Amino acid sequence: MYKNRLQEFTSRSGNGFPVYQTINEGLQHIPKFRSTVRVAGIDYTSKSTFSQKKAAEQDVARLALEAILEKTREEGPSLVNEDCTSYEPSTSLHFSSLNQVLMQKKPWICVKIHRCC
């Protein structure tokens, strides 16, 4: 799920495909997989280990997506733009979750992040 979304997100933003490296830090019969993914020259590494390689890669993809979204939100308008005033009202979208942002099929995404509590 997250691997597909990361691939779609990076592809749409022109950053190519993510590259995964997964290593077993445990024993052969009791594996502990940890994954790293490289996106646009930046490595993201999962803090947790998993008994299955697939779970480790999904976790690091989720981590990378969250980090990319946060970084983009902080650094300004490249793919994610919080200042929706420059877009037509029909294209200004409001999202409450990362999943809603990632499911969009637009070349740019206008985001209004609402924090609670």
Foldseek 3Di string as FASTA:
>chain_A
DLQVLLQLVLVLLVFHHKDKDWDFPDDPVQTWIKMWIATSNDIFTDPGTDSDNVVNVSRSSVVVLVVVVVVDDVPAFRQEHQPCPVDDPVQADEDADSVVQSVDPDSHHYYHYDDDD
